[in-house]
């Protein structure tokens, strides 16, 4: 069931802010980017595109986590590239 959607009045300067409910729903923070997808029949979809650098801080390291060695990273990259190469050879997207 769709509940009442938040509304906003367009200003004369065309500078808009997303309603708080929309920002919270999309987990947006200041500096994040959104894209507007124009759908048929006048519908517009708002999608988060990227997060600000602040949301990435600390996401790689977690307490108690042992960092990967350069060799382990190189091996993982090699495996990924080999898998990607096989996918391309098979003509898959």
N, C-alpha and C. Protein backbone atom coordinates (compact mmCIF):
# COMPACT_ATOMS: atom_id res chain seq x y z
N UNK A 1 0.84 -1.18 0.00
CA UNK A 1 0.00 0.00 0.00
C UNK A 1 0.89 1.24 0.00
N UNK A 2 0.60 2.19 -0.88
CA UNK A 2 1.36 3.43 -0.95
C UNK A 2 0.73 4.44 -0.01
N UNK A 3 1.56 4.98 0.87
CA UNK A 3 1.05 6.00 1.77
C UNK A 3 1.16 7.37 1.12
N UNK A 4 0.62 8.38 1.77
CA UNK A 4 0.68 9.73 1.22
C UNK A 4 2.12 10.13 0.96
N UNK A 5 2.36 10.66 -0.21
CA UNK A 5 3.71 11.05 -0.59
C UNK A 5 4.00 12.46 -0.08
N UNK A 6 5.25 12.72 0.30
CA UNK A 6 5.60 14.08 0.72
C UNK A 6 5.50 15.02 -0.47
N UNK A 7 5.18 16.26 -0.19
CA UNK A 7 5.07 17.27 -1.25
C UNK A 7 6.03 18.41 -0.97
N UNK A 8 6.28 19.21 -1.99
CA UNK A 8 7.19 20.34 -1.88
C UNK A 8 6.78 21.38 -2.91
N UNK A 9 6.88 22.64 -2.55
CA UNK A 9 6.54 23.73 -3.47
C UNK A 9 7.79 24.17 -4.23
N UNK A 10 7.69 24.30 -5.54
CA UNK A 10 8.80 24.75 -6.36
C UNK A 10 9.01 26.25 -6.14
N UNK A 11 10.26 26.64 -5.89
CA UNK A 11 10.56 28.06 -5.64
C UNK A 11 10.83 28.77 -6.95
N UNK A 12 10.82 30.10 -6.92
CA UNK A 12 11.12 30.89 -8.12
C UNK A 12 12.56 30.71 -8.57
N UNK A 13 13.47 30.40 -7.66
CA UNK A 13 14.89 30.23 -7.99
C UNK A 13 15.20 28.82 -8.50
N UNK A 14 14.25 27.90 -8.46
CA UNK A 14 14.41 26.52 -8.91
C UNK A 14 15.42 25.75 -8.05
N UNK A 15 15.73 26.25 -6.87
CA UNK A 15 16.61 25.53 -5.95
C UNK A 15 15.72 24.74 -5.00
N UNK A 16 15.78 23.44 -5.11
CA UNK A 16 14.87 22.60 -4.35
C UNK A 16 15.61 21.79 -3.30
N UNK A 17 14.91 21.48 -2.26
CA UNK A 17 15.43 20.54 -1.26
C UNK A 17 14.47 19.36 -1.22
N UNK A 18 15.05 18.19 -1.04
CA UNK A 18 14.20 17.01 -0.94
C UNK A 18 13.56 16.97 0.44
N UNK A 19 12.30 16.61 0.50
CA UNK A 19 11.65 16.50 1.81
C UNK A 19 12.40 15.51 2.70
N UNK A 20 12.40 15.75 3.99
CA UNK A 20 13.13 14.92 4.94
C UNK A 20 12.76 13.44 4.81
N UNK A 21 11.49 13.15 4.61
CA UNK A 21 11.05 11.76 4.49
C UNK A 21 11.72 11.07 3.29
N UNK A 22 11.88 11.80 2.19
CA UNK A 22 12.53 11.25 1.00
C UNK A 22 14.02 11.05 1.27
N UNK A 23 14.67 12.04 1.86
CA UNK A 23 16.10 11.92 2.19
C UNK A 23 16.35 10.71 3.09
N UNK A 24 15.51 10.54 4.09
CA UNK A 24 15.67 9.41 5.01
C UNK A 24 15.43 8.08 4.30
N UNK A 25 14.41 8.03 3.45
CA UNK A 25 14.09 6.80 2.73
C UNK A 25 15.25 6.37 1.82
N UNK A 26 15.92 7.34 1.19
CA UNK A 26 17.04 7.05 0.29
C UNK A 26 18.38 7.00 1.02
N UNK A 27 18.35 7.23 2.34
CA UNK A 27 19.57 7.24 3.17
C UNK A 27 20.58 8.26 2.63
N UNK A 28 20.11 9.44 2.28
CA UNK A 28 20.97 10.48 1.73
C UNK A 28 21.57 11.34 2.83
N UNK A 29 22.78 11.82 2.55
CA UNK A 29 23.45 12.76 3.43
C UNK A 29 23.91 13.94 2.57
N UNK A 30 24.24 15.05 3.22
CA UNK A 30 24.75 16.20 2.49
C UNK A 30 25.94 15.78 1.64
N UNK A 31 25.96 16.18 0.39
CA UNK A 31 27.04 15.83 -0.52
C UNK A 31 26.73 14.63 -1.40
N UNK A 32 25.71 13.84 -1.06
CA UNK A 32 25.32 12.72 -1.90
C UNK A 32 24.70 13.24 -3.19
N UNK A 33 24.75 12.43 -4.24
CA UNK A 33 24.18 12.82 -5.53
C UNK A 33 22.96 11.95 -5.82
N UNK A 34 22.00 12.51 -6.53
CA UNK A 34 20.83 11.76 -6.98
C UNK A 34 20.66 11.98 -8.47
N UNK A 35 20.00 11.03 -9.12
CA UNK A 35 19.66 11.21 -10.53
C UNK A 35 18.15 11.18 -10.66
N UNK A 36 17.66 11.89 -11.64
CA UNK A 36 16.23 11.93 -11.92
C UNK A 36 16.01 11.18 -13.22
N UNK A 37 15.24 10.12 -13.16
CA UNK A 37 14.94 9.31 -14.34
C UNK A 37 13.54 9.67 -14.81
N UNK A 38 13.46 10.18 -16.04
CA UNK A 38 12.18 10.58 -16.61
C UNK A 38 11.49 9.37 -17.21
N UNK A 39 10.38 9.00 -16.63
CA UNK A 39 9.61 7.84 -17.06
C UNK A 39 8.45 8.30 -17.95
N UNK A 40 7.87 7.37 -18.70
CA UNK A 40 6.71 7.73 -19.53
C UNK A 40 5.56 8.29 -18.68
N UNK A 41 4.72 9.03 -19.31
CA UNK A 41 3.50 9.58 -18.70
C UNK A 41 3.80 10.55 -17.56
N UNK A 42 4.97 11.22 -17.60
CA UNK A 42 5.26 12.27 -16.64
C UNK A 42 5.81 11.82 -15.30
N UNK A 43 6.02 10.55 -15.14
CA UNK A 43 6.55 10.04 -13.87
C UNK A 43 8.05 10.30 -13.80
N UNK A 44 8.55 10.67 -12.61
CA UNK A 44 9.98 10.90 -12.40
C UNK A 44 10.44 10.05 -11.23
N UNK A 45 11.53 9.32 -11.44
CA UNK A 45 12.09 8.48 -10.38
C UNK A 45 13.37 9.13 -9.88
N UNK A 46 13.54 9.21 -8.56
CA UNK A 46 14.74 9.78 -7.96
C UNK A 46 15.55 8.62 -7.40
N UNK A 47 16.81 8.53 -7.84
CA UNK A 47 17.68 7.44 -7.39
C UNK A 47 18.98 8.00 -6.82
N UNK A 48 19.47 7.42 -5.73
CA UNK A 48 20.79 7.83 -5.25
C UNK A 48 21.85 7.35 -6.25
N UNK A 49 22.81 8.20 -6.57
CA UNK A 49 23.86 7.84 -7.53
C UNK A 49 25.14 7.48 -6.79
N UNK A 50 25.55 8.32 -5.90
CA UNK A 50 26.77 8.06 -5.15
C UNK A 50 26.65 8.69 -3.78
N UNK A 51 27.43 8.20 -2.91
CA UNK A 51 27.46 8.74 -1.57
C UNK A 51 28.64 9.70 -1.45
N UNK A 52 28.58 10.58 -0.49
CA UNK A 52 29.71 11.47 -0.25
C UNK A 52 30.86 10.67 0.33
N UNK A 53 32.05 11.21 0.28
CA UNK A 53 33.20 10.49 0.81
C UNK A 53 33.04 10.19 2.30
N UNK A 54 32.28 11.01 3.01
CA UNK A 54 32.11 10.81 4.45
C UNK A 54 31.42 9.47 4.75
N UNK A 55 30.51 9.04 3.87
CA UNK A 55 29.82 7.79 4.12
C UNK A 55 30.73 6.59 3.89
N UNK A 56 31.87 6.79 3.20
CA UNK A 56 32.80 5.69 2.95
C UNK A 56 33.86 5.57 4.04
N UNK A 57 34.00 6.59 4.88
CA UNK A 57 35.03 6.55 5.90
C UNK A 57 34.82 5.36 6.82
N UNK A 58 35.85 4.59 7.00
CA UNK A 58 35.80 3.46 7.92
C UNK A 58 35.09 2.23 7.40
N UNK A 59 34.61 2.25 6.16
CA UNK A 59 33.85 1.10 5.69
C UNK A 59 34.75 -0.10 5.36
N UNK A 60 36.03 0.13 5.11
CA UNK A 60 36.91 -0.97 4.77
C UNK A 60 37.50 -1.64 6.00
N UNK A 61 37.81 -0.87 7.02
CA UNK A 61 38.41 -1.44 8.22
C UNK A 61 37.36 -1.64 9.30
N UNK A 62 37.39 -2.80 9.89
CA UNK A 62 36.50 -3.09 11.01
C UNK A 62 37.35 -3.61 12.15
N UNK A 63 37.01 -3.26 13.38
CA UNK A 63 37.81 -3.71 14.53
C UNK A 63 38.01 -5.22 14.51
N UNK A 64 39.24 -5.65 14.76
CA UNK A 64 39.56 -7.07 14.79
C UNK A 64 39.85 -7.67 13.42
N UNK A 65 39.67 -6.91 12.39
CA UNK A 65 39.87 -7.39 11.02
C UNK A 65 41.37 -7.38 10.69
N UNK A 66 41.87 -8.48 10.13
CA UNK A 66 43.26 -8.55 9.71
C UNK A 66 43.34 -8.05 8.27
N UNK A 67 44.17 -7.03 8.01
CA UNK A 67 44.24 -6.50 6.64
C UNK A 67 44.83 -7.53 5.67
N UNK A 68 44.35 -7.48 4.44
CA UNK A 68 44.85 -8.37 3.40
C UNK A 68 46.25 -7.93 3.00
N UNK A 69 47.07 -8.90 2.61
CA UNK A 69 48.40 -8.57 2.13
C UNK A 69 48.30 -8.14 0.67
N UNK A 70 49.37 -7.53 0.17
CA UNK A 70 49.42 -7.13 -1.24
C UNK A 70 49.25 -8.37 -2.12
N UNK A 71 49.87 -9.46 -1.74
CA UNK A 71 49.77 -10.70 -2.53
C UNK A 71 48.34 -11.20 -2.59
N UNK A 72 47.64 -11.15 -1.44
CA UNK A 72 46.24 -11.59 -1.40
C UNK A 72 45.36 -10.69 -2.27
N UNK A 73 45.63 -9.40 -2.23
CA UNK A 73 44.86 -8.47 -3.07
C UNK A 73 45.13 -8.74 -4.55
N UNK A 74 46.43 -8.94 -4.91
CA UNK A 74 46.77 -9.23 -6.30
C UNK A 74 46.09 -10.51 -6.77
N UNK A 75 46.07 -11.53 -5.92
CA UNK A 75 45.44 -12.80 -6.27
C UNK A 75 43.93 -12.62 -6.49
N UNK A 76 43.28 -11.87 -5.62
CA UNK A 76 41.84 -11.63 -5.76
C UNK A 76 41.54 -10.86 -7.04
N UNK A 77 42.36 -9.86 -7.35
CA UNK A 77 42.18 -9.09 -8.58
C UNK A 77 42.36 -10.00 -9.79
N UNK A 78 43.39 -10.86 -9.75
CA UNK A 78 43.64 -11.80 -10.85
C UNK A 78 42.47 -12.73 -11.08
N UNK A 79 41.91 -13.27 -9.97
CA UNK A 79 40.74 -14.15 -10.10
C UNK A 79 39.57 -13.41 -10.73
N UNK A 80 39.33 -12.18 -10.28
CA UNK A 80 38.22 -11.40 -10.82
C UNK A 80 38.43 -11.14 -12.31
N UNK A 81 39.65 -10.77 -12.70
CA UNK A 81 39.92 -10.50 -14.11
C UNK A 81 39.75 -11.76 -14.96
N UNK A 82 40.18 -12.91 -14.44
CA UNK A 82 40.02 -14.16 -15.18
C UNK A 82 38.54 -14.49 -15.37
N UNK A 83 37.74 -14.32 -14.30
CA UNK A 83 36.30 -14.56 -14.39
C UNK A 83 35.65 -13.60 -15.38
N UNK A 84 36.07 -12.34 -15.34
CA UNK A 84 35.52 -11.34 -16.25
C UNK A 84 35.89 -11.67 -17.70
N UNK A 85 37.13 -12.13 -17.92
CA UNK A 85 37.58 -12.51 -19.25
C UNK A 85 36.74 -13.65 -19.79
N UNK A 86 36.47 -14.66 -18.96
CA UNK A 86 35.64 -15.79 -19.38
C UNK A 86 34.23 -15.34 -19.73
N UNK A 87 33.68 -14.44 -18.92
CA UNK A 87 32.34 -13.92 -19.19
C UNK A 87 32.30 -13.22 -20.55
N UNK A 88 33.32 -12.42 -20.82
CA UNK A 88 33.36 -11.68 -22.09
C UNK A 88 33.49 -12.65 -23.26
N UNK A 89 34.35 -13.67 -23.11
CA UNK A 89 34.53 -14.66 -24.18
C UNK A 89 33.22 -15.38 -24.51
N UNK A 90 32.37 -15.57 -23.49
CA UNK A 90 31.09 -16.24 -23.69
C UNK A 90 30.02 -15.29 -24.24
N UNK A 91 30.37 -13.99 -24.34
CA UNK A 91 29.42 -13.02 -24.87
C UNK A 91 28.35 -12.61 -23.88
N UNK A 92 28.59 -12.82 -22.60
CA UNK A 92 27.62 -12.43 -21.59
C UNK A 92 27.82 -10.98 -21.17
N UNK A 93 26.76 -10.34 -20.72
CA UNK A 93 26.89 -8.93 -20.31
C UNK A 93 27.66 -8.77 -19.01
